[in-house]
Amino acid sequence: MVDFTLSEEQQMLQELAREFATENVRPMAEHWDAKSEFPMEAIEAAHELGLMNLHIPEEYGGMGMGTMDEVFVQEEFAWGDPGFATASYSNGLTAAPIITGGTGETESEVFWSFDRGP
């Protein structure tokens, strides 16, 4: 039987993302939509907390975690605001095919800036 229980580390990550979404995302969602405003400040704050680039290898500026760890975070972000979740995951959308099929050279070329900010 498959065990779907989250590890203690995953539970802590999920809770951090939930707190972030509760305090920083959901209260601003209506404002961002009404003003057609990109949530750059919140994305930068998520990056500073280590809630972005989770499945990108550490040597390229990511957190080196698994895809499911990214899913837990994005699920919490989407609860706060689906648009924020999409915007905060744009690096991940680019990274996934490169991680899967790229060469070390390709990864170095693309990922060099991921640790510098969103």
PDB file of N, CA and C in Angstrom:
ATOM      1  N   MET A   1       0.837  -1.172   0.000  1.00  0.00           N
ATOM      2  CA  MET A   1       0.000   0.000   0.000  1.00  0.00           C
ATOM      3  C   MET A   1       0.891   1.248   0.000  1.00  0.00           C
ATOM      4  N   VAL A   2       0.470   2.244  -0.731  1.00  0.00           N
ATOM      5  CA  VAL A   2       1.220   3.492  -0.837  1.00  0.00           C
ATOM      6  C   VAL A   2       0.910   4.368   0.380  1.00  0.00           C
ATOM      7  N   ASP A   3       1.948   4.947   0.951  1.00  0.00           N
ATOM      8  CA  ASP A   3       1.784   5.835   2.106  1.00  0.00           C
ATOM      9  C   ASP A   3       1.854   7.284   1.628  1.00  0.00           C
ATOM     10  N   PHE A   4       0.773   8.009   1.787  1.00  0.00           N
ATOM     11  CA  PHE A   4       0.707   9.399   1.348  1.00  0.00           C
ATOM     12  C   PHE A   4       0.951  10.389   2.485  1.00  0.00           C
ATOM     13  N   THR A   5       1.443   9.895   3.600  1.00  0.00           N
ATOM     14  CA  THR A   5       1.723  10.753   4.744  1.00  0.00           C
ATOM     15  C   THR A   5       2.896  11.673   4.422  1.00  0.00           C
ATOM     16  N   LEU A   6       2.732  12.955   4.711  1.00  0.00           N
ATOM     17  CA  LEU A   6       3.817  13.909   4.488  1.00  0.00           C
ATOM     18  C   LEU A   6       4.878  13.733   5.565  1.00  0.00           C
ATOM     19  N   SER A   7       6.129  13.886   5.168  1.00  0.00           N
ATOM     20  CA  SER A   7       7.211  13.847   6.146  1.00  0.00           C
ATOM     21  C   SER A   7       7.115  15.088   7.037  1.00  0.00           C
ATOM     22  N   GLU A   8       7.845  15.087   8.129  1.00  0.00           N
ATOM     23  CA  GLU A   8       7.839  16.250   9.018  1.00  0.00           C
ATOM     24  C   GLU A   8       8.329  17.494   8.273  1.00  0.00           C
ATOM     25  N   GLU A   9       9.362  17.327   7.447  1.00  0.00           N
ATOM     26  CA  GLU A   9       9.884  18.454   6.662  1.00  0.00           C
ATOM     27  C   GLU A   9       8.829  18.973   5.688  1.00  0.00           C
ATOM     28  N   GLN A  10       8.114  18.067   5.037  1.00  0.00           N
ATOM     29  CA  GLN A  10       7.065  18.478   4.104  1.00  0.00           C
ATOM     30  C   GLN A  10       5.919  19.182   4.825  1.00  0.00           C
ATOM     31  N   GLN A  11       5.570  18.702   6.004  1.00  0.00           N
ATOM     32  CA  GLN A  11       4.523  19.356   6.785  1.00  0.00           C
ATOM     33  C   GLN A  11       4.939  20.770   7.176  1.00  0.00           C
ATOM     34  N   MET A  12       6.200  20.949   7.549  1.00  0.00           N
ATOM     35  CA  MET A  12       6.697  22.279   7.911  1.00  0.00           C
ATOM     36  C   MET A  12       6.681  23.211   6.705  1.00  0.00           C
ATOM     37  N   LEU A  13       7.082  22.686   5.547  1.00  0.00           N
ATOM     38  CA  LEU A  13       7.072  23.470   4.316  1.00  0.00           C
ATOM     39  C   LEU A  13       5.642  23.877   3.954  1.00  0.00           C
ATOM     40  N   GLN A  14       4.728  22.939   4.043  1.00  0.00           N
ATOM     41  CA  GLN A  14       3.330  23.227   3.737  1.00  0.00           C
ATOM     42  C   GLN A  14       2.773  24.289   4.689  1.00  0.00           C
ATOM     43  N   GLU A  15       3.099  24.185   5.965  1.00  0.00           N
ATOM     44  CA  GLU A  15       2.622  25.164   6.947  1.00  0.00           C
ATOM     45  C   GLU A  15       3.206  26.547   6.672  1.00  0.00           C
ATOM     46  N   LEU A  16       4.487  26.611   6.312  1.00  0.00           N
ATOM     47  CA  LEU A  16       5.110  27.892   5.976  1.00  0.00           C
ATOM     48  C   LEU A  16       4.407  28.528   4.782  1.00  0.00           C
ATOM     49  N   ALA A  17       4.136  27.710   3.762  1.00  0.00           N
ATOM     50  CA  ALA A  17       3.441  28.217   2.573  1.00  0.00           C
ATOM     51  C   ALA A  17       2.022  28.656   2.917  1.00  0.00           C
ATOM     52  N   ARG A  18       1.354  27.905   3.783  1.00  0.00           N
ATOM     53  CA  ARG A  18      -0.010  28.266   4.190  1.00  0.00           C
ATOM     54  C   ARG A  18      -0.017  29.601   4.938  1.00  0.00           C
ATOM     55  N   GLU A  19       0.923  29.769   5.856  1.00  0.00           N
ATOM     56  CA  GLU A  19       1.023  31.033   6.594  1.00  0.00           C
ATOM     57  C   GLU A  19       1.310  32.195   5.648  1.00  0.00           C
ATOM     58  N   PHE A  20       2.216  31.961   4.699  1.00  0.00           N
ATOM     59  CA  PHE A  20       2.548  33.007   3.739  1.00  0.00           C
ATOM     60  C   PHE A  20       1.321  33.388   2.915  1.00  0.00           C
ATOM     61  N   ALA A  21       0.604  32.380   2.431  1.00  0.00           N
ATOM     62  CA  ALA A  21      -0.589  32.651   1.620  1.00  0.00           C
ATOM     63  C   ALA A  21      -1.660  33.374   2.432  1.00  0.00           C
ATOM     64  N   THR A  22      -1.813  32.994   3.675  1.00  0.00           N
ATOM     65  CA  THR A  22      -2.819  33.612   4.543  1.00  0.00           C
ATOM     66  C   THR A  22      -2.488  35.069   4.839  1.00  0.00           C
ATOM     67  N   GLU A  23      -1.216  35.342   5.082  1.00  0.00           N
ATOM     68  CA  GLU A  23      -0.806  36.684   5.495  1.00  0.00           C
ATOM     69  C   GLU A  23      -0.474  37.621   4.335  1.00  0.00           C
ATOM     70  N   ASN A  24       0.038  37.075   3.231  1.00  0.00           N
ATOM     71  CA  ASN A  24       0.576  37.925   2.165  1.00  0.00           C
ATOM     72  C   ASN A  24      -0.139  37.834   0.825  1.00  0.00           C
ATOM     73  N   VAL A  25      -0.818  36.727   0.578  1.00  0.00           N
ATOM     74  CA  VAL A  25      -1.409  36.524  -0.744  1.00  0.00           C
ATOM     75  C   VAL A  25      -2.916  36.791  -0.730  1.00  0.00           C
ATOM     76  N   ARG A  26      -3.631  36.038   0.060  1.00  0.00           N
ATOM     77  CA  ARG A  26      -5.098  36.156   0.046  1.00  0.00           C
ATOM     78  C   ARG A  26      -5.586  37.577   0.332  1.00  0.00           C
ATOM     79  N   PRO A  27      -4.999  38.296   1.301  1.00  0.00           N
ATOM     80  CA  PRO A  27      -5.483  39.657   1.560  1.00  0.00           C
ATOM     81  C   PRO A  27      -5.278  40.620   0.382  1.00  0.00           C
ATOM     82  N   MET A  28      -4.351  40.306  -0.512  1.00  0.00           N
ATOM     83  CA  MET A  28      -4.039  41.199  -1.633  1.00  0.00           C
ATOM     84  C   MET A  28      -4.658  40.759  -2.954  1.00  0.00           C
ATOM     85  N   ALA A  29      -5.219  39.566  -3.001  1.00  0.00           N
ATOM     86  CA  ALA A  29      -5.687  38.997  -4.269  1.00  0.00           C
ATOM     87  C   ALA A  29      -6.688  39.894  -4.991  1.00  0.00           C
ATOM     88  N   GLU A  30      -7.662  40.390  -4.278  1.00  0.00           N
ATOM     89  CA  GLU A  30      -8.672  41.244  -4.910  1.00  0.00           C
ATOM     90  C   GLU A  30      -8.040  42.530  -5.446  1.00  0.00           C
ATOM     91  N   HIS A  31      -7.116  43.102  -4.700  1.00  0.00           N
ATOM     92  CA  HIS A  31      -6.417  44.317  -5.134  1.00  0.00           C
ATOM     93  C   HIS A  31      -5.639  44.055  -6.425  1.00  0.00           C
ATOM     94  N   TRP A  32      -4.870  42.969  -6.449  1.00  0.00           N
ATOM     95  CA  TRP A  32      -4.080  42.657  -7.645  1.00  0.00           C
ATOM     96  C   TRP A  32      -4.981  42.496  -8.862  1.00  0.00           C
ATOM     97  N   ASP A  33      -6.105  41.810  -8.675  1.00  0.00           N
ATOM     98  CA  ASP A  33      -7.038  41.616  -9.788  1.00  0.00           C
ATOM     99  C   ASP A  33      -7.675  42.927 -10.226  1.00  0.00           C
ATOM    100  N   ALA A  34      -8.133  43.711  -9.272  1.00  0.00           N
ATOM    101  CA  ALA A  34      -8.825  44.966  -9.593  1.00  0.00           C
ATOM    102  C   ALA A  34      -7.909  45.961 -10.294  1.00  0.00           C
ATOM    103  N   LYS A  35      -6.651  45.979  -9.908  1.00  0.00           N
ATOM    104  CA  LYS A  35      -5.689  46.938 -10.464  1.00  0.00           C
ATOM    105  C   LYS A  35      -4.845  46.347 -11.593  1.00  0.00           C
ATOM    106  N   SER A  36      -5.084  45.083 -11.928  1.00  0.00           N
ATOM    107  CA  SER A  36      -4.244  44.381 -12.912  1.00  0.00           C
ATOM    108  C   SER A  36      -2.767  44.542 -12.552  1.00  0.00           C
ATOM    109  N   GLU A  37      -2.483  44.356 -11.291  1.00  0.00           N
ATOM    110  CA  GLU A  37      -1.143  44.580 -10.757  1.00  0.00           C
ATOM    111  C   GLU A  37      -0.415  43.250 -10.584  1.00  0.00           C
ATOM    112  N   PHE A  38       0.826  43.196 -11.037  1.00  0.00           N
ATOM    113  CA  PHE A  38       1.652  42.007 -10.856  1.00  0.00           C
ATOM    114  C   PHE A  38       2.152  41.985  -9.410  1.00  0.00           C
ATOM    115  N   PRO A  39       2.052  40.851  -8.712  1.00  0.00           N
ATOM    116  CA  PRO A  39       2.375  40.799  -7.280  1.00  0.00           C
ATOM    117  C   PRO A  39       3.872  40.661  -6.983  1.00  0.00           C
ATOM    118  N   MET A  40       4.676  41.546  -7.545  1.00  0.00           N
ATOM    119  CA  MET A  40       6.127  41.407  -7.442  1.00  0.00           C
ATOM    120  C   MET A  40       6.639  41.399  -6.007  1.00  0.00           C
ATOM    121  N   GLU A  41       6.124  42.277  -5.161  1.00  0.00           N
ATOM    122  CA  GLU A  41       6.605  42.321  -3.775  1.00  0.00           C
ATOM    123  C   GLU A  41       6.358  40.995  -3.063  1.00  0.00           C
ATOM    124  N   ALA A  42       5.196  40.416  -3.257  1.00  0.00           N
ATOM    125  CA  ALA A  42       4.882  39.135  -2.620  1.00  0.00           C
ATOM    126  C   ALA A  42       5.732  38.011  -3.209  1.00  0.00           C
ATOM    127  N   ILE A  43       5.989  38.053  -4.501  1.00  0.00           N
ATOM    128  CA  ILE A  43       6.842  37.042  -5.118  1.00  0.00           C
ATOM    129  C   ILE A  43       8.261  37.153  -4.575  1.00  0.00           C
ATOM    130  N   GLU A  44       8.764  38.364  -4.438  1.00  0.00           N
ATOM    131  CA  GLU A  44      10.097  38.555  -3.858  1.00  0.00           C
ATOM    132  C   GLU A  44      10.147  38.043  -2.420  1.00  0.00           C
ATOM    133  N   ALA A  45       9.088  38.291  -1.658  1.00  0.00           N
ATOM    134  CA  ALA A  45       9.032  37.808  -0.274  1.00  0.00           C
ATOM    135  C   ALA A  45       9.005  36.281  -0.228  1.00  0.00           C
ATOM    136  N   ALA A  46       8.264  35.659  -1.136  1.00  0.00           N
ATOM    137  CA  ALA A  46       8.227  34.194  -1.199  1.00  0.00           C
ATOM    138  C   ALA A  46       9.605  33.643  -1.543  1.00  0.00           C
ATOM    139  N   HIS A  47      10.295  34.313  -2.447  1.00  0.00           N
ATOM    140  CA  HIS A  47      11.647  33.898  -2.821  1.00  0.00           C
ATOM    141  C   HIS A  47      12.584  33.990  -1.621  1.00  0.00           C
ATOM    142  N   GLU A  48      12.500  35.079  -0.884  1.00  0.00           N
ATOM    143  CA  GLU A  48      13.355  35.262   0.294  1.00  0.00           C
ATOM    144  C   GLU A  48      13.109  34.192   1.352  1.00  0.00           C
ATOM    145  N   LEU A  49      11.876  33.723   1.472  1.00  0.00           N
ATOM    146  CA  LEU A  49      11.541  32.671   2.435  1.00  0.00           C
ATOM    147  C   LEU A  49      11.935  31.279   1.951  1.00  0.00           C
ATOM    148  N   GLY A  50      12.381  31.166   0.705  1.00  0.00           N
ATOM    149  CA  GLY A  50      12.739  29.861   0.162  1.00  0.00           C
ATOM    150  C   GLY A  50      11.550  29.072  -0.339  1.00  0.00           C
ATOM    151  N   LEU A  51      10.481  29.759  -0.725  1.00  0.00           N
ATOM    152  CA  LEU A  51       9.276  29.097  -1.205  1.00  0.00           C
ATOM    153  C   LEU A  51       9.185  29.057  -2.726  1.00  0.00           C
ATOM    154  N   MET A  52      10.271  29.366  -3.400  1.00  0.00           N
ATOM    155  CA  MET A  52      10.295  29.307  -4.865  1.00  0.00           C
ATOM    156  C   MET A  52      11.504  28.492  -5.310  1.00  0.00           C
ATOM    157  N   ASN A  53      11.447  28.006  -6.537  1.00  0.00           N
ATOM    158  CA  ASN A  53      12.548  27.244  -7.136  1.00  0.00           C
ATOM    159  C   ASN A  53      12.872  25.989  -6.328  1.00  0.00           C
ATOM    160  N   LEU A  54      11.863  25.373  -5.748  1.00  0.00           N
ATOM    161  CA  LEU A  54      12.089  24.248  -4.849  1.00  0.00           C
ATOM    162  C   LEU A  54      12.678  23.028  -5.539  1.00  0.00           C
ATOM    163  N   HIS A  55      12.225  22.701  -6.734  1.00  0.00           N
ATOM    164  CA  HIS A  55      12.701  21.474  -7.376  1.00  0.00           C
ATOM    165  C   HIS A  55      13.906  21.705  -8.298  1.00  0.00           C
ATOM    166  N   ILE A  56      14.416  22.909  -8.317  1.00  0.00           N
ATOM    167  CA  ILE A  56      15.623  23.191  -9.099  1.00  0.00           C
ATOM    168  C   ILE A  56      16.826  22.750  -8.273  1.00  0.00           C
ATOM    169  N   PRO A  57      17.784  22.057  -8.886  1.00  0.00           N
ATOM    170  CA  PRO A  57      18.942  21.569  -8.132  1.00  0.00           C
ATOM    171  C   PRO A  57      19.687  22.700  -7.415  1.00  0.00           C
ATOM    172  N   GLU A  58      20.220  22.380  -6.237  1.00  0.00           N
ATOM    173  CA  GLU A  58      20.924  23.374  -5.428  1.00  0.00           C
ATOM    174  C   GLU A  58      22.084  24.020  -6.175  1.00  0.00           C
ATOM    175  N   GLU A  59      22.790  23.237  -6.965  1.00  0.00           N
ATOM    176  CA  GLU A  59      23.949  23.796  -7.667  1.00  0.00           C
ATOM    177  C   GLU A  59      23.574  24.876  -8.672  1.00  0.00           C
ATOM    178  N   TYR A  60      22.284  24.974  -8.977  1.00  0.00           N
ATOM    179  CA  TYR A  60      21.821  26.007  -9.901  1.00  0.00           C
ATOM    180  C   TYR A  60      20.959  27.056  -9.202  1.00  0.00           C
ATOM    181  N   GLY A  61      21.048  27.126  -7.884  1.00  0.00           N
ATOM    182  CA  GLY A  61      20.345  28.164  -7.145  1.00  0.00           C
ATOM    183  C   GLY A  61      18.984  27.782  -6.608  1.00  0.00           C
ATOM    184  N   GLY A  62      18.581  26.537  -6.796  1.00  0.00           N
ATOM    185  CA  GLY A  62      17.297  26.086  -6.275  1.00  0.00           C
ATOM    186  C   GLY A  62      17.439  25.463  -4.904  1.00  0.00           C
ATOM    187  N   MET A  63      16.369  24.862  -4.439  1.00  0.00           N
ATOM    188  CA  MET A  63      16.351  24.238  -3.119  1.00  0.00           C
ATOM    189  C   MET A  63      16.665  22.744  -3.183  1.00  0.00           C
ATOM    190  N   GLY A  64      16.643  22.156  -4.381  1.00  0.00           N
ATOM    191  CA  GLY A  64      16.975  20.746  -4.532  1.00  0.00           C
ATOM    192  C   GLY A  64      15.942  19.790  -3.958  1.00  0.00           C
ATOM    193  N   MET A  65      14.718  20.230  -3.831  1.00  0.00           N
ATOM    194  CA  MET A  65      13.652  19.381  -3.296  1.00  0.00           C
ATOM    195  C   MET A  65      12.933  18.673  -4.440  1.00  0.00           C
ATOM    196  N   GLY A  66      11.940  17.883  -4.088  1.00  0.00           N
ATOM    197  CA  GLY A  66      11.191  17.147  -5.090  1.00  0.00           C
ATOM    198  C   GLY A  66      10.031  17.939  -5.668  1.00  0.00           C
ATOM    199  N   THR A  67       9.497  17.414  -6.738  1.00  0.00           N
ATOM    200  CA  THR A  67       8.359  18.048  -7.394  1.00  0.00           C
ATOM    201  C   THR A  67       7.150  18.114  -6.464  1.00  0.00           C
ATOM    202  N   MET A  68       6.943  17.081  -5.660  1.00  0.00           N
ATOM    203  CA  MET A  68       5.800  17.092  -4.746  1.00  0.00           C
ATOM    204  C   MET A  68       5.919  18.206  -3.708  1.00  0.00           C
ATOM    205  N   ASP A  69       7.140  18.530  -3.296  1.00  0.00           N
ATOM    206  CA  ASP A  69       7.323  19.641  -2.369  1.00  0.00           C
ATOM    207  C   ASP A  69       6.838  20.943  -3.009  1.00  0.00           C
ATOM    208  N   GLU A  70       7.139  21.095  -4.279  1.00  0.00           N
ATOM    209  CA  GLU A  70       6.671  22.266  -5.028  1.00  0.00           C
ATOM    210  C   GLU A  70       5.139  22.271  -5.097  1.00  0.00           C
ATOM    211  N   VAL A  71       4.555  21.097  -5.269  1.00  0.00           N
ATOM    212  CA  VAL A  71       3.098  20.987  -5.345  1.00  0.00           C
ATOM    213  C   VAL A  71       2.449  21.452  -4.042  1.00  0.00           C
ATOM    214  N   PHE A  72       3.013  21.064  -2.896  1.00  0.00           N
ATOM    215  CA  PHE A  72       2.436  21.480  -1.611  1.00  0.00           C
ATOM    216  C   PHE A  72       2.420  22.996  -1.496  1.00  0.00           C
ATOM    217  N   VAL A  73       3.499  23.626  -1.905  1.00  0.00           N
ATOM    218  CA  VAL A  73       3.597  25.088  -1.825  1.00  0.00           C
ATOM    219  C   VAL A  73       2.617  25.737  -2.795  1.00  0.00           C
ATOM    220  N   GLN A  74       2.592  25.270  -4.030  1.00  0.00           N
ATOM    221  CA  GLN A  74       1.709  25.869  -5.024  1.00  0.00           C
ATOM    222  C   GLN A  74       0.236  25.691  -4.667  1.00  0.00           C
ATOM    223  N   GLU A  75      -0.098  24.586  -4.044  1.00  0.00           N
ATOM    224  CA  GLU A  75      -1.478  24.374  -3.610  1.00  0.00           C
ATOM    225  C   GLU A  75      -1.891  25.441  -2.591  1.00  0.00           C
ATOM    226  N   GLU A  76      -1.008  25.746  -1.663  1.00  0.00           N
ATOM    227  CA  GLU A  76      -1.310  26.779  -0.667  1.00  0.00           C
ATOM    228  C   GLU A  76      -1.380  28.160  -1.321  1.00  0.00           C
ATOM    229  N   PHE A  77      -0.453  28.434  -2.233  1.00  0.00           N
ATOM    230  CA  PHE A  77      -0.482  29.714  -2.943  1.00  0.00           C
ATOM    231  C   PHE A  77      -1.779  29.861  -3.735  1.00  0.00           C
ATOM    232  N   ALA A  78      -2.205  28.783  -4.389  1.00  0.00           N
ATOM    233  CA  ALA A  78      -3.426  28.838  -5.196  1.00  0.00           C
ATOM    234  C   ALA A  78      -4.658  29.067  -4.330  1.00  0.00           C
ATOM    235  N   TRP A  79      -4.637  28.574  -3.097  1.00  0.00           N
ATOM    236  CA  TRP A  79      -5.734  28.877  -2.170  1.00  0.00           C
ATOM    237  C   TRP A  79      -5.806  30.388  -1.942  1.00  0.00           C
ATOM    238  N   GLY A  80      -4.643  31.017  -1.823  1.00  0.00           N
ATOM    239  CA  GLY A  80      -4.595  32.463  -1.616  1.00  0.00           C
ATOM    240  C   GLY A  80      -5.006  33.239  -2.848  1.00  0.00           C
ATOM    241  N   ASP A  81      -4.505  32.826  -4.002  1.00  0.00           N
ATOM    242  CA  ASP A  81      -4.826  33.490  -5.269  1.00  0.00           C
ATOM    243  C   ASP A  81      -4.249  32.652  -6.407  1.00  0.00           C
ATOM    244  N   PRO A  82      -5.088  32.068  -7.254  1.00  0.00           N
ATOM    245  CA  PRO A  82      -4.586  31.252  -8.353  1.00  0.00           C
ATOM    246  C   PRO A  82      -3.613  32.000  -9.271  1.00  0.00           C
ATOM    247  N   GLY A  83      -3.857  33.282  -9.487  1.00  0.00           N
ATOM    248  CA  GLY A  83      -2.950  34.070 -10.325  1.00  0.00           C
ATOM    249  C   GLY A  83      -1.571  34.195  -9.704  1.00  0.00           C
ATOM    250  N   PHE A  84      -1.533  34.362  -8.389  1.00  0.00           N
ATOM    251  CA  PHE A  84      -0.249  34.429  -7.693  1.00  0.00           C
ATOM    252  C   PHE A  84       0.493  33.103  -7.819  1.00  0.00           C
ATOM    253  N   ALA A  85      -0.230  32.001  -7.664  1.00  0.00           N
ATOM    254  CA  ALA A  85       0.402  30.686  -7.788  1.00  0.00           C
ATOM    255  C   ALA A  85       1.029  30.519  -9.169  1.00  0.00           C
ATOM    256  N   THR A  86       0.317  30.919 -10.199  1.00  0.00           N
ATOM    257  CA  THR A  86       0.850  30.813 -11.560  1.00  0.00           C
ATOM    258  C   THR A  86       2.074  31.694 -11.743  1.00  0.00           C
ATOM    259  N   ALA A  87       1.991  32.932 -11.283  1.00  0.00           N
ATOM    260  CA  ALA A  87       3.118  33.860 -11.433  1.00  0.00           C
ATOM    261  C   ALA A  87       4.340  33.388 -10.655  1.00  0.00           C
ATOM    262  N   SER A  88       4.122  32.846  -9.467  1.00  0.00           N
ATOM    263  CA  SER A  88       5.252  32.428  -8.638  1.00  0.00           C
ATOM    264  C   SER A  88       5.906  31.158  -9.161  1.00  0.00           C
ATOM    265  N   TYR A  89       5.212  30.424 -10.018  1.00  0.00           N
ATOM    266  CA  TYR A  89       5.746  29.163 -10.526  1.00  0.00           C
ATOM    267  C   TYR A  89       6.331  29.284 -11.932  1.00  0.00           C
ATOM    268  N   SER A  90       6.420  30.476 -12.459  1.00  0.00           N
ATOM    269  CA  SER A  90       6.897  30.620 -13.840  1.00  0.00           C
ATOM    270  C   SER A  90       8.304  30.056 -14.023  1.00  0.00           C
ATOM    271  N   ASN A  91       9.180  30.220 -13.046  1.00  0.00           N
ATOM    272  CA  ASN A  91      10.510  29.608 -13.140  1.00  0.00           C
ATOM    273  C   ASN A  91      10.398  28.093 -13.214  1.00  0.00           C
ATOM    274  N   GLY A  92       9.504  27.532 -12.423  1.00  0.00           N
ATOM    275  CA  GLY A  92       9.327  26.087 -12.400  1.00  0.00           C
ATOM    276  C   GLY A  92       8.819  25.538 -13.715  1.00  0.00           C
ATOM    277  N   LEU A  93       7.931  26.275 -14.365  1.00  0.00           N
ATOM    278  CA  LEU A  93       7.419  25.839 -15.663  1.00  0.00           C
ATOM    279  C   LEU A  93       8.530  25.777 -16.698  1.00  0.00           C
ATOM    280  N   THR A  94       9.455  26.704 -16.601  1.00  0.00           N
ATOM    281  CA  THR A  94      10.602  26.715 -17.505  1.00  0.00           C
ATOM    282  C   THR A  94      11.591  25.624 -17.143  1.00  0.00           C
ATOM    283  N   ALA A  95      11.766  25.406 -15.855  1.00  0.00           N
ATOM    284  CA  ALA A  95      12.813  24.511 -15.374  1.00  0.00           C
ATOM    285  C   ALA A  95      12.521  23.037 -15.611  1.00  0.00           C
ATOM    286  N   ALA A  96      11.275  22.622 -15.478  1.00  0.00           N
ATOM    287  CA  ALA A  96      10.944  21.198 -15.527  1.00  0.00           C
ATOM    288  C   ALA A  96      11.483  20.478 -16.764  1.00  0.00           C
ATOM    289  N   PRO A  97      11.242  20.973 -17.982  1.00  0.00           N
ATOM    290  CA  PRO A  97      11.767  20.251 -19.141  1.00  0.00           C
ATOM    291  C   PRO A  97      13.292  20.301 -19.235  1.00  0.00           C
ATOM    292  N   ILE A  98      13.889  21.352 -18.703  1.00  0.00           N
ATOM    293  CA  ILE A  98      15.351  21.450 -18.744  1.00  0.00           C
ATOM    294  C   ILE A  98      15.970  20.464 -17.764  1.00  0.00           C
ATOM    295  N   ILE A  99      15.366  20.322 -16.589  1.00  0.00           N
ATOM    296  CA  ILE A  99      15.852  19.344 -15.617  1.00  0.00           C
ATOM    297  C   ILE A  99      15.710  17.937 -16.177  1.00  0.00           C
ATOM    298  N   THR A 100      14.595  17.681 -16.850  1.00  0.00           N
ATOM    299  CA  THR A 100      14.324  16.351 -17.386  1.00  0.00           C
ATOM    300  C   THR A 100      15.232  15.991 -18.557  1.00  0.00           C
ATOM    301  N   GLY A 101      15.429  16.913 -19.491  1.00  0.00           N
ATOM    302  CA  GLY A 101      16.150  16.561 -20.705  1.00  0.00           C
ATOM    303  C   GLY A 101      17.358  17.399 -21.034  1.00  0.00           C
ATOM    304  N   GLY A 102      17.673  18.371 -20.198  1.00  0.00           N
ATOM    305  CA  GLY A 102      18.796  19.256 -20.494  1.00  0.00           C
ATOM    306  C   GLY A 102      20.142  18.650 -20.144  1.00  0.00           C
ATOM    307  N   THR A 103      21.158  19.259 -20.665  1.00  0.00           N
ATOM    308  CA  THR A 103      22.526  18.866 -20.331  1.00  0.00           C
ATOM    309  C   THR A 103      23.026  19.772 -19.214  1.00  0.00           C
ATOM    310  N   GLY A 104      24.131  19.418 -18.603  1.00  0.00           N
ATOM    311  CA  GLY A 104      24.727  20.276 -17.581  1.00  0.00           C
ATOM    312  C   GLY A 104      24.982  21.670 -18.108  1.00  0.00           C
ATOM    313  N   GLU A 105      25.396  21.758 -19.363  1.00  0.00           N
ATOM    314  CA  GLU A 105      25.659  23.060 -19.984  1.00  0.00           C
ATOM    315  C   GLU A 105      24.370  23.873 -20.112  1.00  0.00           C
ATOM    316  N   THR A 106      23.301  23.222 -20.552  1.00  0.00           N
ATOM    317  CA  THR A 106      22.011  23.899 -20.683  1.00  0.00           C
ATOM    318  C   THR A 106      21.520  24.382 -19.327  1.00  0.00           C
ATOM    319  N   GLU A 107      21.625  23.523 -18.322  1.00  0.00           N
ATOM    320  CA  GLU A 107      21.178  23.898 -16.978  1.00  0.00           C
ATOM    321  C   GLU A 107      21.960  25.093 -16.460  1.00  0.00           C
ATOM    322  N   SER A 108      23.278  25.073 -16.632  1.00  0.00           N
ATOM    323  CA  SER A 108      24.103  26.197 -16.175  1.00  0.00           C
ATOM    324  C   SER A 108      23.705  27.490 -16.869  1.00  0.00           C
ATOM    325  N   GLU A 109      23.436  27.394 -18.151  1.00  0.00           N
ATOM    326  CA  GLU A 109      23.083  28.568 -18.947  1.00  0.00           C
ATOM    327  C   GLU A 109      21.748  29.171 -18.515  1.00  0.00           C
ATOM    328  N   VAL A 110      20.781  28.332 -18.176  1.00  0.00           N
ATOM    329  CA  VAL A 110      19.442  28.803 -17.844  1.00  0.00           C
ATOM    330  C   VAL A 110      19.285  29.132 -16.363  1.00  0.00           C
ATOM    331  N   PHE A 111      19.845  28.310 -15.493  1.00  0.00           N
ATOM    332  CA  PHE A 111      19.568  28.434 -14.064  1.00  0.00           C
ATOM    333  C   PHE A 111      20.483  29.385 -13.312  1.00  0.00           C
ATOM    334  N   TRP A 112      21.480  29.944 -13.926  1.00  0.00           N
ATOM    335  CA  TRP A 112      22.453  30.771 -13.203  1.00  0.00           C
ATOM    336  C   TRP A 112      21.811  31.909 -12.422  1.00  0.00           C
ATOM    337  N   SER A 113      20.683  32.411 -12.876  1.00  0.00           N
ATOM    338  CA  SER A 113      20.078  33.580 -12.224  1.00  0.00           C
ATOM    339  C   SER A 113      18.996  33.241 -11.203  1.00  0.00           C
ATOM    340  N   PHE A 114      18.637  31.993 -11.055  1.00  0.00           N
ATOM    341  CA  PHE A 114      17.506  31.646 -10.197  1.00  0.00           C
ATOM    342  C   PHE A 114      17.747  31.953  -8.729  1.00  0.00           C
ATOM    343  N   ASP A 115      18.991  31.957  -8.275  1.00  0.00           N
ATOM    344  CA  ASP A 115      19.250  32.263  -6.869  1.00  0.00           C
ATOM    345  C   ASP A 115      19.358  33.766  -6.623  1.00  0.00           C
ATOM    346  N   ARG A 116      19.330  34.564  -7.669  1.00  0.00           N
ATOM    347  CA  ARG A 116      19.464  36.016  -7.536  1.00  0.00           C
ATOM    348  C   ARG A 116      18.130  36.714  -7.277  1.00  0.00           C
ATOM    349  N   GLY A 117      17.062  36.028  -7.516  1.00  0.00           N
ATOM    350  CA  GLY A 117      15.745  36.614  -7.299  1.00  0.00           C
ATOM    351  C   GLY A 117      14.746  36.077  -8.289  1.00  0.00           C
ATOM    352  N   PRO A 118      13.494  36.412  -8.073  1.00  0.00           N
ATOM    353  CA  PRO A 118      12.445  35.895  -8.965  1.00  0.00           C
ATOM    354  C   PRO A 118      12.510  36.510 -10.351  1.00  0.00           C
TER     355      PRO A 118
END
